[in-house]
PDB file of all heavy atoms in Angstrom:
ATOM      1  N   VAL A   1     -20.584  10.070 -30.090  1.00  0.00           N
ATOM      2  CA  VAL A   1     -20.220  11.159 -29.179  1.00  0.00           C
ATOM      3  C   VAL A   1     -18.949  10.745 -28.456  1.00  0.00           C
ATOM      4  O   VAL A   1     -18.861   9.648 -27.913  1.00  0.00           O
ATOM      5  CB  VAL A   1     -21.334  11.432 -28.141  1.00  0.00           C
ATOM      6  CG1 VAL A   1     -20.943  12.609 -27.250  1.00  0.00           C
ATOM      7  CG2 VAL A   1     -22.675  11.666 -28.816  1.00  0.00           C
ATOM      8  N   PHE A   2     -17.975  11.632 -28.450  1.00  0.00           N
ATOM      9  CA  PHE A   2     -16.716  11.353 -27.750  1.00  0.00           C
ATOM     10  C   PHE A   2     -16.184  12.631 -27.126  1.00  0.00           C
ATOM     11  O   PHE A   2     -16.549  13.734 -27.537  1.00  0.00           O
ATOM     12  CB  PHE A   2     -15.678  10.714 -28.692  1.00  0.00           C
ATOM     13  CG  PHE A   2     -15.470  11.446 -29.983  1.00  0.00           C
ATOM     14  CD1 PHE A   2     -14.523  12.453 -30.093  1.00  0.00           C
ATOM     15  CD2 PHE A   2     -16.236  11.138 -31.102  1.00  0.00           C
ATOM     16  CE1 PHE A   2     -14.333  13.125 -31.285  1.00  0.00           C
ATOM     17  CE2 PHE A   2     -16.054  11.809 -32.312  1.00  0.00           C
ATOM     18  CZ  PHE A   2     -15.097  12.804 -32.398  1.00  0.00           C
ATOM     19  N   LEU A   3     -15.341  12.457 -26.114  1.00  0.00           N
ATOM     20  CA  LEU A   3     -14.731  13.618 -25.469  1.00  0.00           C
ATOM     21  C   LEU A   3     -13.832  14.343 -26.458  1.00  0.00           C
ATOM     22  O   LEU A   3     -13.073  13.705 -27.201  1.00  0.00           O
ATOM     23  CB  LEU A   3     -13.922  13.200 -24.247  1.00  0.00           C
ATOM     24  CG  LEU A   3     -14.689  12.622 -23.063  1.00  0.00           C
ATOM     25  CD1 LEU A   3     -13.732  12.318 -21.912  1.00  0.00           C
ATOM     26  CD2 LEU A   3     -15.803  13.542 -22.592  1.00  0.00           C
ATOM     27  N   ALA A   4     -13.919  15.648 -26.458  1.00  0.00           N
ATOM     28  CA  ALA A   4     -13.072  16.464 -27.330  1.00  0.00           C
ATOM     29  C   ALA A   4     -11.620  16.330 -26.891  1.00  0.00           C
ATOM     30  O   ALA A   4     -11.323  16.224 -25.698  1.00  0.00           O
ATOM     31  CB  ALA A   4     -13.512  17.922 -27.265  1.00  0.00           C
ATOM     32  N   LYS A   5     -10.725  16.341 -27.872  1.00  0.00           N
ATOM     33  CA  LYS A   5      -9.291  16.297 -27.564  1.00  0.00           C
ATOM     34  C   LYS A   5      -8.895  17.517 -26.747  1.00  0.00           C
ATOM     35  O   LYS A   5      -8.151  17.418 -25.784  1.00  0.00           O
ATOM     36  CB  LYS A   5      -8.490  16.218 -28.862  1.00  0.00           C
ATOM     37  CG  LYS A   5      -6.990  16.096 -28.661  1.00  0.00           C
ATOM     38  CD  LYS A   5      -6.246  16.097 -29.978  1.00  0.00           C
ATOM     39  CE  LYS A   5      -6.084  17.473 -30.413  1.00  0.00           C
ATOM     40  NZ  LYS A   5      -5.050  18.074 -31.037  1.00  0.00           N
ATOM     41  N   ASP A   6      -9.399  18.670 -27.143  1.00  0.00           N
ATOM     42  CA  ASP A   6      -9.140  19.918 -26.423  1.00  0.00           C
ATOM     43  C   ASP A   6     -10.380  20.255 -25.602  1.00  0.00           C
ATOM     44  O   ASP A   6     -11.418  20.597 -26.161  1.00  0.00           O
ATOM     45  CB  ASP A   6      -8.820  21.052 -27.397  1.00  0.00           C
ATOM     46  CG  ASP A   6      -7.533  20.817 -28.168  1.00  0.00           C
ATOM     47  OD1 ASP A   6      -6.575  20.273 -27.575  1.00  0.00           O
ATOM     48  OD2 ASP A   6      -7.484  21.172 -29.357  1.00  0.00           O
ATOM     49  N   GLN A   7     -10.258  20.157 -24.298  1.00  0.00           N
ATOM     50  CA  GLN A   7     -11.373  20.344 -23.382  1.00  0.00           C
ATOM     51  C   GLN A   7     -11.473  21.800 -22.932  1.00  0.00           C
ATOM     52  O   GLN A   7     -10.534  22.320 -22.328  1.00  0.00           O
ATOM     53  CB  GLN A   7     -11.187  19.465 -22.142  1.00  0.00           C
ATOM     54  CG  GLN A   7     -11.216  17.969 -22.419  1.00  0.00           C
ATOM     55  CD  GLN A   7     -12.642  17.457 -22.443  1.00  0.00           C
ATOM     56  OE1 GLN A   7     -13.345  17.504 -21.446  1.00  0.00           O
ATOM     57  NE2 GLN A   7     -13.062  16.979 -23.597  1.00  0.00           N
ATOM     58  N   VAL A   8     -12.603  22.446 -23.197  1.00  0.00           N
ATOM     59  CA  VAL A   8     -12.863  23.771 -22.636  1.00  0.00           C
ATOM     60  C   VAL A   8     -13.167  23.605 -21.151  1.00  0.00           C
ATOM     61  O   VAL A   8     -12.621  24.312 -20.319  1.00  0.00           O
ATOM     62  CB  VAL A   8     -14.019  24.476 -23.384  1.00  0.00           C
ATOM     63  CG1 VAL A   8     -14.447  25.739 -22.648  1.00  0.00           C
ATOM     64  CG2 VAL A   8     -13.604  24.789 -24.805  1.00  0.00           C
ATOM     65  N   ASN A   9     -14.039  22.663 -20.835  1.00  0.00           N
ATOM     66  CA  ASN A   9     -14.306  22.248 -19.464  1.00  0.00           C
ATOM     67  C   ASN A   9     -14.408  20.728 -19.481  1.00  0.00           C
ATOM     68  O   ASN A   9     -14.750  20.133 -20.515  1.00  0.00           O
ATOM     69  CB  ASN A   9     -15.606  22.869 -18.928  1.00  0.00           C
ATOM     70  CG  ASN A   9     -15.454  24.348 -18.636  1.00  0.00           C
ATOM     71  OD1 ASN A   9     -14.435  24.791 -18.115  1.00  0.00           O
ATOM     72  ND2 ASN A   9     -16.467  25.128 -18.976  1.00  0.00           N
ATOM     73  N   LEU A  10     -14.135  20.120 -18.353  1.00  0.00           N
ATOM     74  CA  LEU A  10     -14.151  18.665 -18.277  1.00  0.00           C
ATOM     75  C   LEU A  10     -15.519  18.132 -18.677  1.00  0.00           C
ATOM     76  O   LEU A  10     -16.542  18.563 -18.141  1.00  0.00           O
ATOM     77  CB  LEU A  10     -13.796  18.216 -16.852  1.00  0.00           C
ATOM     78  CG  LEU A  10     -13.608  16.715 -16.646  1.00  0.00           C
ATOM     79  CD1 LEU A  10     -12.465  16.183 -17.506  1.00  0.00           C
ATOM     80  CD2 LEU A  10     -13.358  16.412 -15.184  1.00  0.00           C
ATOM     81  N   GLY A  11     -15.529  17.229 -19.640  1.00  0.00           N
ATOM     82  CA  GLY A  11     -16.764  16.664 -20.159  1.00  0.00           C
ATOM     83  C   GLY A  11     -17.123  17.195 -21.534  1.00  0.00           C
ATOM     84  O   GLY A  11     -18.064  16.710 -22.170  1.00  0.00           O
ATOM     85  N   HIS A  12     -16.384  18.169 -22.025  1.00  0.00           N
ATOM     86  CA  HIS A  12     -16.591  18.740 -23.361  1.00  0.00           C
ATOM     87  C   HIS A  12     -16.566  17.600 -24.378  1.00  0.00           C
ATOM     88  O   HIS A  12     -15.582  16.888 -24.513  1.00  0.00           O
ATOM     89  CB  HIS A  12     -15.478  19.751 -23.627  1.00  0.00           C
ATOM     90  CG  HIS A  12     -15.480  20.363 -24.984  1.00  0.00           C
ATOM     91  ND1 HIS A  12     -14.549  21.318 -25.321  1.00  0.00           N
ATOM     92  CD2 HIS A  12     -16.241  20.190 -26.085  1.00  0.00           C
ATOM     93  CE1 HIS A  12     -14.743  21.704 -26.565  1.00  0.00           C
ATOM     94  NE2 HIS A  12     -15.776  21.018 -27.056  1.00  0.00           N
ATOM     95  N   SER A  13     -17.680  17.432 -25.081  1.00  0.00           N
ATOM     96  CA  SER A  13     -17.834  16.324 -26.015  1.00  0.00           C
ATOM     97  C   SER A  13     -18.197  16.813 -27.402  1.00  0.00           C
ATOM     98  O   SER A  13     -18.722  17.916 -27.573  1.00  0.00           O
ATOM     99  CB  SER A  13     -18.936  15.368 -25.522  1.00  0.00           C
ATOM    100  OG  SER A  13     -18.612  14.844 -24.256  1.00  0.00           O
ATOM    101  N   LEU A  14     -17.928  15.961 -28.391  1.00  0.00           N
ATOM    102  CA  LEU A  14     -18.306  16.231 -29.767  1.00  0.00           C
ATOM    103  C   LEU A  14     -19.331  15.202 -30.202  1.00  0.00           C
ATOM    104  O   LEU A  14     -19.129  14.002 -30.013  1.00  0.00           O
ATOM    105  CB  LEU A  14     -17.099  16.157 -30.699  1.00  0.00           C
ATOM    106  CG  LEU A  14     -15.929  17.092 -30.398  1.00  0.00           C
ATOM    107  CD1 LEU A  14     -14.814  16.871 -31.409  1.00  0.00           C
ATOM    108  CD2 LEU A  14     -16.372  18.537 -30.406  1.00  0.00           C
ATOM    109  N   LEU A  15     -20.419  15.665 -30.770  1.00  0.00           N
ATOM    110  CA  LEU A  15     -21.437  14.793 -31.348  1.00  0.00           C
ATOM    111  C   LEU A  15     -21.261  14.884 -32.864  1.00  0.00           C
ATOM    112  O   LEU A  15     -21.321  15.977 -33.432  1.00  0.00           O
ATOM    113  CB  LEU A  15     -22.825  15.256 -30.928  1.00  0.00           C
ATOM    114  CG  LEU A  15     -23.991  14.342 -31.300  1.00  0.00           C
ATOM    115  CD1 LEU A  15     -25.144  14.562 -30.328  1.00  0.00           C
ATOM    116  CD2 LEU A  15     -24.454  14.499 -32.711  1.00  0.00           C
ATOM    117  N   VAL A  16     -21.012  13.727 -33.488  1.00  0.00           N
ATOM    118  CA  VAL A  16     -20.642  13.693 -34.896  1.00  0.00           C
ATOM    119  C   VAL A  16     -21.570  12.742 -35.649  1.00  0.00           C
ATOM    120  O   VAL A  16     -21.732  11.590 -35.227  1.00  0.00           O
ATOM    121  CB  VAL A  16     -19.172  13.211 -35.042  1.00  0.00           C
ATOM    122  CG1 VAL A  16     -18.762  13.126 -36.502  1.00  0.00           C
ATOM    123  CG2 VAL A  16     -18.224  14.111 -34.262  1.00  0.00           C
ATOM    124  N   PRO A  17     -22.157  13.187 -36.762  1.00  0.00           N
ATOM    125  CA  PRO A  17     -22.932  12.251 -37.566  1.00  0.00           C
ATOM    126  C   PRO A  17     -21.996  11.222 -38.211  1.00  0.00           C
ATOM    127  O   PRO A  17     -20.862  11.549 -38.565  1.00  0.00           O
ATOM    128  CB  PRO A  17     -23.602  13.127 -38.616  1.00  0.00           C
ATOM    129  CG  PRO A  17     -22.837  14.387 -38.654  1.00  0.00           C
ATOM    130  CD  PRO A  17     -22.152  14.527 -37.330  1.00  0.00           C
ATOM    131  N   LYS A  18     -22.480  10.010 -38.349  1.00  0.00           N
ATOM    132  CA  LYS A  18     -21.657   8.963 -38.955  1.00  0.00           C
ATOM    133  C   LYS A  18     -21.557   9.116 -40.471  1.00  0.00           C
ATOM    134  O   LYS A  18     -20.639   8.585 -41.074  1.00  0.00           O
ATOM    135  CB  LYS A  18     -22.183   7.584 -38.570  1.00  0.00           C
ATOM    136  CG  LYS A  18     -21.930   7.283 -37.100  1.00  0.00           C
ATOM    137  CD  LYS A  18     -22.360   5.891 -36.725  1.00  0.00           C
ATOM    138  CE  LYS A  18     -21.988   5.597 -35.277  1.00  0.00           C
ATOM    139  NZ  LYS A  18     -22.417   4.247 -34.869  1.00  0.00           N
ATOM    140  N   VAL A  19     -22.483   9.860 -41.051  1.00  0.00           N
ATOM    141  CA  VAL A  19     -22.382  10.194 -42.465  1.00  0.00           C
ATOM    142  C   VAL A  19     -21.452  11.396 -42.578  1.00  0.00           C
ATOM    143  O   VAL A  19     -21.531  12.333 -41.783  1.00  0.00           O
ATOM    144  CB  VAL A  19     -23.771  10.465 -43.086  1.00  0.00           C
ATOM    145  CG1 VAL A  19     -24.470  11.616 -42.405  1.00  0.00           C
ATOM    146  CG2 VAL A  19     -23.664  10.720 -44.563  1.00  0.00           C
ATOM    147  N   GLU A  20     -20.548  11.355 -43.531  1.00  0.00           N
ATOM    148  CA  GLU A  20     -19.547  12.410 -43.658  1.00  0.00           C
ATOM    149  C   GLU A  20     -20.111  13.586 -44.447  1.00  0.00           C
ATOM    150  O   GLU A  20     -20.252  13.527 -45.667  1.00  0.00           O
ATOM    151  CB  GLU A  20     -18.288  11.863 -44.342  1.00  0.00           C
ATOM    152  CG  GLU A  20     -17.120  12.800 -44.296  1.00  0.00           C
ATOM    153  CD  GLU A  20     -15.833  12.159 -44.793  1.00  0.00           C
ATOM    154  OE1 GLU A  20     -15.881  11.092 -45.420  1.00  0.00           O
ATOM    155  OE2 GLU A  20     -14.771  12.732 -44.547  1.00  0.00           O
ATOM    156  N   VAL A  21     -20.487  14.632 -43.712  1.00  0.00           N
ATOM    157  CA  VAL A  21     -20.923  15.891 -44.313  1.00  0.00           C
ATOM    158  C   VAL A  21     -20.127  17.020 -43.675  1.00  0.00           C
ATOM    159  O   VAL A  21     -19.759  16.935 -42.506  1.00  0.00           O
ATOM    160  CB  VAL A  21     -22.444  16.139 -44.160  1.00  0.00           C
ATOM    161  CG1 VAL A  21     -23.260  15.063 -44.845  1.00  0.00           C
ATOM    162  CG2 VAL A  21     -22.846  16.274 -42.718  1.00  0.00           C
ATOM    163  N   ASP A  22     -19.879  18.045 -44.453  1.00  0.00           N
ATOM    164  CA  ASP A  22     -19.035  19.141 -43.985  1.00  0.00           C
ATOM    165  C   ASP A  22     -19.789  20.127 -43.101  1.00  0.00           C
ATOM    166  O   ASP A  22     -19.264  20.572 -42.077  1.00  0.00           O
ATOM    167  CB  ASP A  22     -18.445  19.861 -45.190  1.00  0.00           C
ATOM    168  CG  ASP A  22     -17.451  20.953 -44.817  1.00  0.00           C
ATOM    169  OD1 ASP A  22     -16.903  20.920 -43.701  1.00  0.00           O
ATOM    170  OD2 ASP A  22     -17.230  21.851 -45.649  1.00  0.00           O
ATOM    171  N   GLN A  23     -21.016  20.467 -43.466  1.00  0.00           N
ATOM    172  CA  GLN A  23     -21.759  21.502 -42.763  1.00  0.00           C
ATOM    173  C   GLN A  23     -23.162  21.021 -42.431  1.00  0.00           C
ATOM    174  O   GLN A  23     -23.695  20.136 -43.082  1.00  0.00           O
ATOM    175  CB  GLN A  23     -21.889  22.746 -43.648  1.00  0.00           C
ATOM    176  CG  GLN A  23     -20.575  23.335 -44.093  1.00  0.00           C
ATOM    177  CD  GLN A  23     -20.806  24.486 -45.047  1.00  0.00           C
ATOM    178  OE1 GLN A  23     -21.485  25.439 -44.691  1.00  0.00           O
ATOM    179  NE2 GLN A  23     -20.249  24.391 -46.241  1.00  0.00           N
ATOM    180  N   ILE A  24     -23.757  21.670 -41.458  1.00  0.00           N
ATOM    181  CA  ILE A  24     -25.115  21.296 -41.061  1.00  0.00           C
ATOM    182  C   ILE A  24     -26.097  21.491 -42.219  1.00  0.00           C
ATOM    183  O   ILE A  24     -27.062  20.743 -42.352  1.00  0.00           O
ATOM    184  CB  ILE A  24     -25.570  22.028 -39.784  1.00  0.00           C
ATOM    185  CG1 ILE A  24     -26.810  21.327 -39.208  1.00  0.00           C
ATOM    186  CG2 ILE A  24     -25.793  23.501 -40.045  1.00  0.00           C
ATOM    187  CD1 ILE A  24     -27.124  21.663 -37.786  1.00  0.00           C
ATOM    188  N   ILE A  25     -25.839  22.430 -43.102  1.00  0.00           N
ATOM    189  CA  ILE A  25     -26.731  22.636 -44.242  1.00  0.00           C
ATOM    190  C   ILE A  25     -26.656  21.475 -45.233  1.00  0.00           C
ATOM    191  O   ILE A  25     -27.536  21.347 -46.084  1.00  0.00           O
ATOM    192  CB  ILE A  25     -26.463  23.983 -44.956  1.00  0.00           C
ATOM    193  CG1 ILE A  25     -25.038  24.038 -45.495  1.00  0.00           C
ATOM    194  CG2 ILE A  25     -26.757  25.148 -44.026  1.00  0.00           C
ATOM    195  CD1 ILE A  25     -24.728  25.281 -46.336  1.00  0.00           C
ATOM    196  N   ASP A  26     -25.649  20.624 -45.100  1.00  0.00           N
ATOM    197  CA  ASP A  26     -25.511  19.453 -45.967  1.00  0.00           C
ATOM    198  C   ASP A  26     -26.188  18.212 -45.389  1.00  0.00           C
ATOM    199  O   ASP A  26     -26.307  17.195 -46.073  1.00  0.00           O
ATOM    200  CB  ASP A  26     -24.021  19.126 -46.183  1.00  0.00           C
ATOM    201  CG  ASP A  26     -23.260  20.267 -46.838  1.00  0.00           C
ATOM    202  OD1 ASP A  26     -23.843  20.963 -47.683  1.00  0.00           O
ATOM    203  OD2 ASP A  26     -22.083  20.460 -46.489  1.00  0.00           O
ATOM    204  N   LEU A  27     -26.599  18.281 -44.137  1.00  0.00           N
ATOM    205  CA  LEU A  27     -27.193  17.126 -43.464  1.00  0.00           C
ATOM    206  C   LEU A  27     -28.676  17.028 -43.809  1.00  0.00           C
ATOM    207  O   LEU A  27     -29.384  18.035 -43.828  1.00  0.00           O
ATOM    208  CB  LEU A  27     -27.006  17.276 -41.947  1.00  0.00           C
ATOM    209  CG  LEU A  27     -27.262  16.058 -41.079  1.00  0.00           C
ATOM    210  CD1 LEU A  27     -26.295  14.927 -41.408  1.00  0.00           C
ATOM    211  CD2 LEU A  27     -27.144  16.427 -39.603  1.00  0.00           C
ATOM    212  N   GLU A  28     -29.144  15.810 -44.065  1.00  0.00           N
ATOM    213  CA  GLU A  28     -30.568  15.602 -44.339  1.00  0.00           C
ATOM    214  C   GLU A  28     -31.399  16.160 -43.189  1.00  0.00           C
ATOM    215  O   GLU A  28     -31.002  16.082 -42.028  1.00  0.00           O
ATOM    216  CB  GLU A  28     -30.873  14.109 -44.469  1.00  0.00           C
ATOM    217  CG  GLU A  28     -30.291  13.441 -45.672  1.00  0.00           C
ATOM    218  CD  GLU A  28     -30.631  11.954 -45.705  1.00  0.00           C
ATOM    219  OE1 GLU A  28     -31.673  11.536 -45.157  1.00  0.00           O
ATOM    220  OE2 GLU A  28     -29.825  11.213 -46.275  1.00  0.00           O
ATOM    221  N   ASP A  29     -32.572  16.687 -43.508  1.00  0.00           N
ATOM    222  CA  ASP A  29     -33.426  17.293 -42.491  1.00  0.00           C
ATOM    223  C   ASP A  29     -33.758  16.323 -41.363  1.00  0.00           C
ATOM    224  O   ASP A  29     -33.734  16.703 -40.186  1.00  0.00           O
ATOM    225  CB  ASP A  29     -34.728  17.818 -43.110  1.00  0.00           C
ATOM    226  CG  ASP A  29     -34.511  19.046 -43.973  1.00  0.00           C
ATOM    227  OD1 ASP A  29     -33.415  19.645 -43.913  1.00  0.00           O
ATOM    228  OD2 ASP A  29     -35.447  19.401 -44.710  1.00  0.00           O
ATOM    229  N   SER A  30     -34.062  15.076 -41.702  1.00  0.00           N
ATOM    230  CA  SER A  30     -34.419  14.110 -40.652  1.00  0.00           C
ATOM    231  C   SER A  30     -33.239  13.867 -39.711  1.00  0.00           C
ATOM    232  O   SER A  30     -33.424  13.751 -38.500  1.00  0.00           O
ATOM    233  CB  SER A  30     -34.913  12.795 -41.256  1.00  0.00           C
ATOM    234  OG  SER A  30     -33.881  12.189 -42.025  1.00  0.00           O
ATOM    235  N   LEU A  31     -32.028  13.816 -40.251  1.00  0.00           N
ATOM    236  CA  LEU A  31     -30.847  13.627 -39.402  1.00  0.00           C
ATOM    237  C   LEU A  31     -30.556  14.875 -38.585  1.00  0.00           C
ATOM    238  O   LEU A  31     -30.055  14.782 -37.463  1.00  0.00           O
ATOM    239  CB  LEU A  31     -29.621  13.240 -40.230  1.00  0.00           C
ATOM    240  CG  LEU A  31     -29.518  11.777 -40.616  1.00  0.00           C
ATOM    241  CD1 LEU A  31     -28.281  11.548 -41.498  1.00  0.00           C
ATOM    242  CD2 LEU A  31     -29.467  10.873 -39.404  1.00  0.00           C
ATOM    243  N   THR A  32     -30.860  16.037 -39.131  1.00  0.00           N
ATOM    244  CA  THR A  32     -30.653  17.277 -38.380  1.00  0.00           C
ATOM    245  C   THR A  32     -31.523  17.279 -37.129  1.00  0.00           C
ATOM    246  O   THR A  32     -31.045  17.569 -36.027  1.00  0.00           O
ATOM    247  CB  THR A  32     -30.953  18.505 -39.258  1.00  0.00           C
ATOM    248  OG1 THR A  32     -30.116  18.460 -40.405  1.00  0.00           O
ATOM    249  CG2 THR A  32     -30.707  19.793 -38.495  1.00  0.00           C
ATOM    250  N   SER A  33     -32.790  16.948 -37.285  1.00  0.00           N
ATOM    251  CA  SER A  33     -33.660  16.918 -36.104  1.00  0.00           C
ATOM    252  C   SER A  33     -33.242  15.796 -35.157  1.00  0.00           C
ATOM    253  O   SER A  33     -33.203  15.986 -33.946  1.00  0.00           O
ATOM    254  CB  SER A  33     -35.129  16.805 -36.493  1.00  0.00           C
ATOM    255  OG  SER A  33     -35.396  15.593 -37.140  1.00  0.00           O
ATOM    256  N   ASP A  34     -32.882  14.635 -35.696  1.00  0.00           N
ATOM    257  CA  ASP A  34     -32.406  13.523 -34.854  1.00  0.00           C
ATOM    258  C   ASP A  34     -31.162  13.924 -34.073  1.00  0.00           C
ATOM    259  O   ASP A  34     -30.996  13.547 -32.907  1.00  0.00           O
ATOM    260  CB  ASP A  34     -32.095  12.284 -35.695  1.00  0.00           C
ATOM    261  CG  ASP A  34     -33.320  11.617 -36.284  1.00  0.00           C
ATOM    262  OD1 ASP A  34     -34.456  11.956 -35.888  1.00  0.00           O
ATOM    263  OD2 ASP A  34     -33.131  10.738 -37.156  1.00  0.00           O
ATOM    264  N   MET A  35     -30.283  14.687 -34.714  1.00  0.00           N
ATOM    265  CA  MET A  35     -29.041  15.112 -34.060  1.00  0.00           C
ATOM    266  C   MET A  35     -29.342  15.949 -32.818  1.00  0.00           C
ATOM    267  O   MET A  35     -28.746  15.754 -31.762  1.00  0.00           O
ATOM    268  CB  MET A  35     -28.163  15.901 -35.030  1.00  0.00           C
ATOM    269  CG  MET A  35     -26.835  16.341 -34.423  1.00  0.00           C
ATOM    270  SD  MET A  35     -25.713  17.102 -35.619  1.00  0.00           S
ATOM    271  CE  MET A  35     -26.438  18.724 -35.747  1.00  0.00           C
ATOM    272  N   PHE A  36     -30.291  16.867 -32.924  1.00  0.00           N
ATOM    273  CA  PHE A  36     -30.575  17.737 -31.788  1.00  0.00           C
ATOM    274  C   PHE A  36     -31.373  17.028 -30.694  1.00  0.00           C
ATOM    275  O   PHE A  36     -31.178  17.320 -29.510  1.00  0.00           O
ATOM    276  CB  PHE A  36     -31.220  19.038 -32.252  1.00  0.00           C
ATOM    277  CG  PHE A  36     -30.196  19.979 -32.819  1.00  0.00           C
ATOM    278  CD1 PHE A  36     -29.981  20.032 -34.180  1.00  0.00           C
ATOM    279  CD2 PHE A  36     -29.417  20.756 -31.986  1.00  0.00           C
ATOM    280  CE1 PHE A  36     -29.000  20.870 -34.704  1.00  0.00           C
ATOM    281  CE2 PHE A  36     -28.440  21.591 -32.488  1.00  0.00           C
ATOM    282  CZ  PHE A  36     -28.225  21.653 -33.859  1.00  0.00           C
ATOM    283  N   VAL A  37     -32.207  16.079 -31.057  1.00  0.00           N
ATOM    284  CA  VAL A  37     -32.893  15.274 -30.035  1.00  0.00           C
ATOM    285  C   VAL A  37     -31.864  14.433 -29.279  1.00  0.00           C
ATOM    286  O   VAL A  37     -31.885  14.361 -28.047  1.00  0.00           O
ATOM    287  CB  VAL A  37     -33.993  14.394 -30.674  1.00  0.00           C
ATOM    288  CG1 VAL A  37     -34.526  13.375 -29.675  1.00  0.00           C
ATOM    289  CG2 VAL A  37     -35.113  15.257 -31.217  1.00  0.00           C
ATOM    290  N   TYR A  38     -30.941  13.824 -30.008  1.00  0.00           N
ATOM    291  CA  TYR A  38     -29.883  13.024 -29.385  1.00  0.00           C
ATOM    292  C   TYR A  38     -28.958  13.914 -28.545  1.00  0.00           C
ATOM    293  O   TYR A  38     -28.572  13.554 -27.425  1.00  0.00           O
ATOM    294  CB  TYR A  38     -29.107  12.296 -30.479  1.00  0.00           C
ATOM    295  CG  TYR A  38     -28.092  11.303 -30.002  1.00  0.00           C
ATOM    296  CD1 TYR A  38     -28.389  10.322 -29.064  1.00  0.00           C
ATOM    297  CD2 TYR A  38     -26.807  11.321 -30.531  1.00  0.00           C
ATOM    298  CE1 TYR A  38     -27.440   9.398 -28.656  1.00  0.00           C
ATOM    299  CE2 TYR A  38     -25.854  10.397 -30.134  1.00  0.00           C
ATOM    300  CZ  TYR A  38     -26.177   9.440 -29.201  1.00  0.00           C
ATOM    301  OH  TYR A  38     -25.226   8.521 -28.803  1.00  0.00           O
ATOM    302  N   ALA A  39     -28.636  15.095 -29.064  1.00  0.00           N
ATOM    303  CA  ALA A  39     -27.779  16.028 -28.324  1.00  0.00           C
ATOM    304  C   ALA A  39     -28.404  16.404 -26.991  1.00  0.00           C
ATOM    305  O   ALA A  39     -27.706  16.524 -25.979  1.00  0.00           O
ATOM    306  CB  ALA A  39     -27.519  17.277 -29.158  1.00  0.00           C
ATOM    307  N   LYS A  40     -29.705  16.580 -26.980  1.00  0.00           N
ATOM    308  CA  LYS A  40     -30.404  16.929 -25.737  1.00  0.00           C
ATOM    309  C   LYS A  40     -30.229  15.822 -24.697  1.00  0.00           C
ATOM    310  O   LYS A  40     -29.926  16.094 -23.530  1.00  0.00           O
ATOM    311  CB  LYS A  40     -31.881  17.163 -26.045  1.00  0.00           C
ATOM    312  CG  LYS A  40     -32.707  17.598 -24.874  1.00  0.00           C
ATOM    313  CD  LYS A  40     -34.142  17.865 -25.331  1.00  0.00           C
ATOM    314  CE  LYS A  40     -35.052  18.089 -24.152  1.00  0.00           C
ATOM    315  NZ  LYS A  40     -36.438  18.326 -24.567  1.00  0.00           N
ATOM    316  N   LYS A  41     -30.370  14.583 -25.113  1.00  0.00           N
ATOM    317  CA  LYS A  41     -30.191  13.438 -24.212  1.00  0.00           C
ATOM    318  C   LYS A  41     -28.758  13.398 -23.661  1.00  0.00           C
ATOM    319  O   LYS A  41     -28.538  13.250 -22.454  1.00  0.00           O
ATOM    320  CB  LYS A  41     -30.500  12.145 -24.976  1.00  0.00           C
ATOM    321  CG  LYS A  41     -30.206  10.881 -24.217  1.00  0.00           C
ATOM    322  CD  LYS A  41     -30.419   9.656 -25.103  1.00  0.00           C
ATOM    323  CE  LYS A  41     -29.876   8.422 -24.424  1.00  0.00           C
ATOM    324  NZ  LYS A  41     -29.955   7.246 -25.277  1.00  0.00           N
TER     325      LYS A  41
END
């Protein structure tokens, strides 16, 4: 997770999987759920 280069509001961050996938439909189901649990935190 890192601050976005272009900030909509201060603190705007990007959460990025370390595996290189183009779309959420390409992400493994377990990583998809992990991503949203981590995003919540």
